[in-house]
Amino acid sequence: MNILEVSLEDVPAICALVNSAYRGETSRKGWTTEADLLDGIRIDESMLADHINDSDSTILKCLDDEGIIVGCVYLKIDQEQMYLGMLTVAPALQARGIGKLLIKASEERARVNGCKSIKMTVITSRHELIDWYKRNGYEETGERQPFPNSERFGKPKRPLEFLVMQKVLV
């Protein structure tokens, strides 16, 4: 496995990967699906291009031995804290260590950039995912945030909110 930064050329593949892992029937092959929570897409190519063009943001991709993108993660620096989002692994390849590899690369990127912590948001009803992050050193902050009221992020099937989690880097 190889971890590299995403370029604009990767946008269609990253968009397809993220949407397949979070929404629709293909997402049900993995354990990170949001298909029962949201309709619509998780991200579009325009949003990805905006992330790539933002000088404070990076998207890392994980390539398998054949050069196929099998995972990704979005990172954004905000002073001494890094935001981690859109951690994605191809549904058929989940639970094989790719997510942990991307988390490790994200934490290293944060340290190199002088960040003292990593923050993320997780939908509160995604208990298995919250537990996974806890096993990887992330803690609940007690803070909650509303889910965006925009179909650009998907159409909620029920009221949703985010739990804010954080890991202090040592």
C-alpha atoms as a PDB file:
ATOM      1  CA  MET A   1       0.000   0.000   0.000  1.00  0.00           C
ATOM      2  CA  ASN A   2       1.165   3.478  -0.857  1.00  0.00           C
ATOM      3  CA  ILE A   3      -0.158   6.785   0.554  1.00  0.00           C
ATOM      4  CA  LEU A   4       0.065   9.862  -1.707  1.00  0.00           C
ATOM      5  CA  GLU A   5      -1.593  13.242  -2.076  1.00  0.00           C
ATOM      6  CA  VAL A   6      -4.573  13.444  -4.403  1.00  0.00           C
ATOM      7  CA  SER A   7      -4.381  15.581  -7.546  1.00  0.00           C
ATOM      8  CA  LEU A   8      -7.161  17.021  -9.663  1.00  0.00           C
ATOM      9  CA  GLU A   9      -6.725  14.038 -12.010  1.00  0.00           C
ATOM     10  CA  ASP A  10      -7.909  11.785  -9.169  1.00  0.00           C
ATOM     11  CA  VAL A  11     -11.205  13.630  -8.612  1.00  0.00           C
ATOM     12  CA  PRO A  12     -13.492  11.260 -10.587  1.00  0.00           C
ATOM     13  CA  ALA A  13     -12.019   8.144  -8.928  1.00  0.00           C
ATOM     14  CA  ILE A  14     -12.101   9.654  -5.421  1.00  0.00           C
ATOM     15  CA  CYS A  15     -15.685  10.858  -5.938  1.00  0.00           C
ATOM     16  CA  ALA A  16     -16.802   7.395  -7.059  1.00  0.00           C
ATOM     17  CA  LEU A  17     -14.969   5.716  -4.159  1.00  0.00           C
ATOM     18  CA  VAL A  18     -16.406   7.995  -1.466  1.00  0.00           C
ATOM     19  CA  ASN A  19     -19.970   7.787  -2.756  1.00  0.00           C
ATOM     20  CA  SER A  20     -19.751   3.998  -3.114  1.00  0.00           C
ATOM     21  CA  ALA A  21     -18.539   3.631   0.477  1.00  0.00           C
ATOM     22  CA  TYR A  22     -21.107   5.895   2.143  1.00  0.00           C
ATOM     23  CA  ARG A  23     -24.301   5.817   0.090  1.00  0.00           C
ATOM     24  CA  GLY A  24     -26.385   3.448  -1.989  1.00  0.00           C
ATOM     25  CA  GLU A  25     -26.418  -0.317  -2.250  1.00  0.00           C
ATOM     26  CA  THR A  26     -22.663  -0.707  -2.846  1.00  0.00           C
ATOM     27  CA  SER A  27     -22.001   0.888   0.553  1.00  0.00           C
ATOM     28  CA  ARG A  28     -23.836  -1.991   2.238  1.00  0.00           C
ATOM     29  CA  LYS A  29     -20.901  -4.294   1.360  1.00  0.00           C
ATOM     30  CA  GLY A  30     -18.900  -2.514   4.072  1.00  0.00           C
ATOM     31  CA  TRP A  31     -19.630  -1.499   7.642  1.00  0.00           C
ATOM     32  CA  THR A  32     -19.351   2.285   7.169  1.00  0.00           C
ATOM     33  CA  THR A  33     -22.530   2.785   5.164  1.00  0.00           C
ATOM     34  CA  GLU A  34     -24.778   5.787   5.708  1.00  0.00           C
ATOM     35  CA  ALA A  35     -27.415   4.392   3.322  1.00  0.00           C
ATOM     36  CA  ASP A  36     -29.990   4.001   6.102  1.00  0.00           C
ATOM     37  CA  LEU A  37     -29.376   7.564   7.314  1.00  0.00           C
ATOM     38  CA  LEU A  38     -29.082   9.636   4.143  1.00  0.00           C
ATOM     39  CA  ASP A  39     -30.133   9.683   0.506  1.00  0.00           C
ATOM     40  CA  GLY A  40     -28.161  11.389  -2.212  1.00  0.00           C
ATOM     41  CA  ILE A  41     -24.435  11.607  -2.665  1.00  0.00           C
ATOM     42  CA  ARG A  42     -21.722  12.117  -0.049  1.00  0.00           C
ATOM     43  CA  ILE A  43     -19.592  14.431  -2.202  1.00  0.00           C
ATOM     44  CA  ASP A  44     -19.433  15.743  -5.747  1.00  0.00           C
ATOM     45  CA  GLU A  45     -16.497  16.478  -8.031  1.00  0.00           C
ATOM     46  CA  SER A  46     -16.811  20.237  -7.509  1.00  0.00           C
ATOM     47  CA  MET A  47     -16.502  19.895  -3.717  1.00  0.00           C
ATOM     48  CA  LEU A  48     -13.472  17.615  -4.123  1.00  0.00           C
ATOM     49  CA  ALA A  49     -11.783  20.063  -6.487  1.00  0.00           C
ATOM     50  CA  ASP A  50     -12.418  22.863  -3.977  1.00  0.00           C
ATOM     51  CA  HIS A  51     -10.755  20.785  -1.228  1.00  0.00           C
ATOM     52  CA  ILE A  52      -7.744  20.042  -3.438  1.00  0.00           C
ATOM     53  CA  ASN A  53      -7.358  23.702  -4.428  1.00  0.00           C
ATOM     54  CA  ASP A  54      -7.565  24.899  -0.792  1.00  0.00           C
ATOM     55  CA  SER A  55      -3.998  25.524   0.406  1.00  0.00           C
ATOM     56  CA  ASP A  56      -4.921  24.467   3.966  1.00  0.00           C
ATOM     57  CA  SER A  57      -6.412  21.140   2.832  1.00  0.00           C
ATOM     58  CA  THR A  58      -5.030  17.848   1.625  1.00  0.00           C
ATOM     59  CA  ILE A  59      -6.656  14.633   0.514  1.00  0.00           C
ATOM     60  CA  LEU A  60      -4.517  11.552   0.886  1.00  0.00           C
ATOM     61  CA  LYS A  61      -5.172   8.465  -1.202  1.00  0.00           C
ATOM     62  CA  CYS A  62      -4.203   4.891  -0.489  1.00  0.00           C
ATOM     63  CA  LEU A  63      -3.161   2.866  -3.522  1.00  0.00           C
ATOM     64  CA  ASP A  64      -3.060  -0.914  -3.643  1.00  0.00           C
ATOM     65  CA  ASP A  65      -0.146  -2.783  -5.243  1.00  0.00           C
ATOM     66  CA  GLU A  66      -1.728  -2.327  -8.678  1.00  0.00           C
ATOM     67  CA  GLY A  67      -2.090   1.455  -8.288  1.00  0.00           C
ATOM     68  CA  ILE A  68      -5.854   1.394  -7.690  1.00  0.00           C
ATOM     69  CA  ILE A  69      -7.231   3.912  -5.191  1.00  0.00           C
ATOM     70  CA  VAL A  70      -8.698   1.876  -2.313  1.00  0.00           C
ATOM     71  CA  GLY A  71      -9.002   4.572   0.335  1.00  0.00           C
ATOM     72  CA  CYS A  72      -8.744   8.279   1.062  1.00  0.00           C
ATOM     73  CA  VAL A  73      -8.974  10.870   3.826  1.00  0.00           C
ATOM     74  CA  TYR A  74      -9.564  14.630   3.848  1.00  0.00           C
ATOM     75  CA  LEU A  75      -7.373  16.780   6.091  1.00  0.00           C
ATOM     76  CA  LYS A  76      -7.597  20.515   6.819  1.00  0.00           C
ATOM     77  CA  ILE A  77      -5.244  22.502   9.010  1.00  0.00           C
ATOM     78  CA  ASP A  78      -6.751  25.136  11.291  1.00  0.00           C
ATOM     79  CA  GLN A  79      -3.936  26.728  13.302  1.00  0.00           C
ATOM     80  CA  GLU A  80      -2.599  23.979  15.616  1.00  0.00           C
ATOM     81  CA  GLN A  81      -5.421  21.537  14.933  1.00  0.00           C
ATOM     82  CA  MET A  82      -6.113  19.315  11.969  1.00  0.00           C
ATOM     83  CA  TYR A  83      -9.632  18.384  10.917  1.00  0.00           C
ATOM     84  CA  LEU A  84      -9.968  14.812   9.630  1.00  0.00           C
ATOM     85  CA  GLY A  85     -12.954  13.894   7.497  1.00  0.00           C
ATOM     86  CA  MET A  86     -14.197  11.671   4.718  1.00  0.00           C
ATOM     87  CA  LEU A  87     -12.102   8.706   5.842  1.00  0.00           C
ATOM     88  CA  THR A  88     -13.027   6.191   3.174  1.00  0.00           C
ATOM     89  CA  VAL A  89     -12.121   2.598   2.359  1.00  0.00           C
ATOM     90  CA  ALA A  90     -13.587   0.655  -0.554  1.00  0.00           C
ATOM     91  CA  PRO A  91     -16.509  -1.359   0.911  1.00  0.00           C
ATOM     92  CA  ALA A  92     -15.173  -4.753  -0.180  1.00  0.00           C
ATOM     93  CA  LEU A  93     -11.792  -4.008   1.429  1.00  0.00           C
ATOM     94  CA  GLN A  94     -12.950  -2.681   4.807  1.00  0.00           C
ATOM     95  CA  ALA A  95     -11.665  -4.266   8.040  1.00  0.00           C
ATOM     96  CA  ARG A  96      -8.253  -5.016   6.472  1.00  0.00           C
ATOM     97  CA  GLY A  97      -6.202  -2.221   8.054  1.00  0.00           C
ATOM     98  CA  ILE A  98      -6.485   0.385   5.288  1.00  0.00           C
ATOM     99  CA  GLY A  99      -8.399   2.794   7.531  1.00  0.00           C
ATOM    100  CA  LYS A 100      -5.773   2.454  10.261  1.00  0.00           C
ATOM    101  CA  LEU A 101      -3.052   3.105   7.685  1.00  0.00           C
ATOM    102  CA  LEU A 102      -4.806   6.288   6.572  1.00  0.00           C
ATOM    103  CA  ILE A 103      -5.297   7.389  10.210  1.00  0.00           C
ATOM    104  CA  LYS A 104      -1.589   6.839  10.891  1.00  0.00           C
ATOM    105  CA  ALA A 105      -0.617   8.846   7.791  1.00  0.00           C
ATOM    106  CA  SER A 106      -3.027  11.615   8.840  1.00  0.00           C
ATOM    107  CA  GLU A 107      -1.546  11.802  12.319  1.00  0.00           C
ATOM    108  CA  GLU A 108       1.968  11.967  10.897  1.00  0.00           C
ATOM    109  CA  ARG A 109       0.886  14.740   8.511  1.00  0.00           C
ATOM    110  CA  ALA A 110      -0.604  16.629  11.463  1.00  0.00           C
ATOM    111  CA  ARG A 111       2.615  16.355  13.477  1.00  0.00           C
ATOM    112  CA  VAL A 112       4.762  17.497  10.537  1.00  0.00           C
ATOM    113  CA  ASN A 113       2.508  20.542  10.211  1.00  0.00           C
ATOM    114  CA  GLY A 114       2.803  21.423  13.898  1.00  0.00           C
ATOM    115  CA  CYS A 115      -0.690  20.356  14.871  1.00  0.00           C
ATOM    116  CA  LYS A 116      -1.251  19.390  18.488  1.00  0.00           C
ATOM    117  CA  SER A 117      -4.527  17.542  17.902  1.00  0.00           C
ATOM    118  CA  ILE A 118      -6.860  16.067  15.318  1.00  0.00           C
ATOM    119  CA  LYS A 119     -10.570  16.797  15.399  1.00  0.00           C
ATOM    120  CA  MET A 120     -13.403  15.105  13.526  1.00  0.00           C
ATOM    121  CA  THR A 121     -17.163  14.867  13.444  1.00  0.00           C
ATOM    122  CA  VAL A 122     -19.126  11.617  13.335  1.00  0.00           C
ATOM    123  CA  ILE A 123     -22.892  11.203  13.034  1.00  0.00           C
ATOM    124  CA  THR A 124     -24.026  10.411  16.585  1.00  0.00           C
ATOM    125  CA  SER A 125     -26.018   7.314  15.611  1.00  0.00           C
ATOM    126  CA  ARG A 126     -22.968   5.635  14.010  1.00  0.00           C
ATOM    127  CA  HIS A 127     -22.005   3.791  17.193  1.00  0.00           C
ATOM    128  CA  GLU A 128     -19.718   1.208  15.523  1.00  0.00           C
ATOM    129  CA  LEU A 129     -17.711   3.972  13.865  1.00  0.00           C
ATOM    130  CA  ILE A 130     -17.479   6.009  17.081  1.00  0.00           C
ATOM    131  CA  ASP A 131     -16.224   2.878  18.875  1.00  0.00           C
ATOM    132  CA  TRP A 132     -13.652   2.278  16.106  1.00  0.00           C
ATOM    133  CA  TYR A 133     -12.290   5.802  16.494  1.00  0.00           C
ATOM    134  CA  LYS A 134     -12.146   5.354  20.274  1.00  0.00           C
ATOM    135  CA  ARG A 135     -10.094   2.180  19.793  1.00  0.00           C
ATOM    136  CA  ASN A 136      -7.736   4.311  17.700  1.00  0.00           C
ATOM    137  CA  GLY A 137      -7.221   6.914  20.423  1.00  0.00           C
ATOM    138  CA  TYR A 138      -9.966   9.445  19.671  1.00  0.00           C
ATOM    139  CA  GLU A 139     -12.191  10.719  22.475  1.00  0.00           C
ATOM    140  CA  GLU A 140     -15.577  12.369  22.628  1.00  0.00           C
ATOM    141  CA  THR A 141     -15.272  16.089  23.385  1.00  0.00           C
ATOM    142  CA  GLY A 142     -18.854  16.454  24.619  1.00  0.00           C
ATOM    143  CA  GLU A 143     -19.532  18.893  21.788  1.00  0.00           C
ATOM    144  CA  ARG A 144     -22.316  18.301  19.265  1.00  0.00           C
ATOM    145  CA  GLN A 145     -22.905  20.053  15.938  1.00  0.00           C
ATOM    146  CA  PRO A 146     -25.983  20.131  13.717  1.00  0.00           C
ATOM    147  CA  PHE A 147     -25.937  18.166  10.476  1.00  0.00           C
ATOM    148  CA  PRO A 148     -25.777  20.617   7.536  1.00  0.00           C
ATOM    149  CA  ASN A 149     -29.174  21.589   6.187  1.00  0.00           C
ATOM    150  CA  SER A 150     -28.092  21.233   2.565  1.00  0.00           C
ATOM    151  CA  GLU A 151     -28.770  18.457   0.090  1.00  0.00           C
ATOM    152  CA  ARG A 152     -25.203  18.987  -1.079  1.00  0.00           C
ATOM    153  CA  PHE A 153     -24.223  16.668   1.814  1.00  0.00           C
ATOM    154  CA  GLY A 154     -27.135  14.281   1.355  1.00  0.00           C
ATOM    155  CA  LYS A 155     -30.779  14.269   2.331  1.00  0.00           C
ATOM    156  CA  PRO A 156     -31.282  12.985   5.900  1.00  0.00           C
ATOM    157  CA  LYS A 157     -33.931  10.297   6.365  1.00  0.00           C
ATOM    158  CA  ARG A 158     -34.288  11.385  10.014  1.00  0.00           C
ATOM    159  CA  PRO A 159     -32.852  14.150  12.210  1.00  0.00           C
ATOM    160  CA  LEU A 160     -29.057  13.860  12.476  1.00  0.00           C
ATOM    161  CA  GLU A 161     -26.326  15.539  14.456  1.00  0.00           C
ATOM    162  CA  PHE A 162     -22.571  15.251  14.726  1.00  0.00           C
ATOM    163  CA  LEU A 163     -20.480  14.191  17.689  1.00  0.00           C
ATOM    164  CA  VAL A 164     -17.112  15.975  17.834  1.00  0.00           C
ATOM    165  CA  MET A 165     -14.165  13.708  18.580  1.00  0.00           C
ATOM    166  CA  GLN A 166     -10.524  14.578  19.122  1.00  0.00           C
ATOM    167  CA  LYS A 167      -7.131  12.995  19.578  1.00  0.00           C
ATOM    168  CA  VAL A 168      -4.339  14.892  21.280  1.00  0.00           C
ATOM    169  CA  LEU A 169      -1.035  14.157  19.569  1.00  0.00           C
ATOM    170  CA  VAL A 170       2.024  13.494  21.708  1.00  0.00           C
END
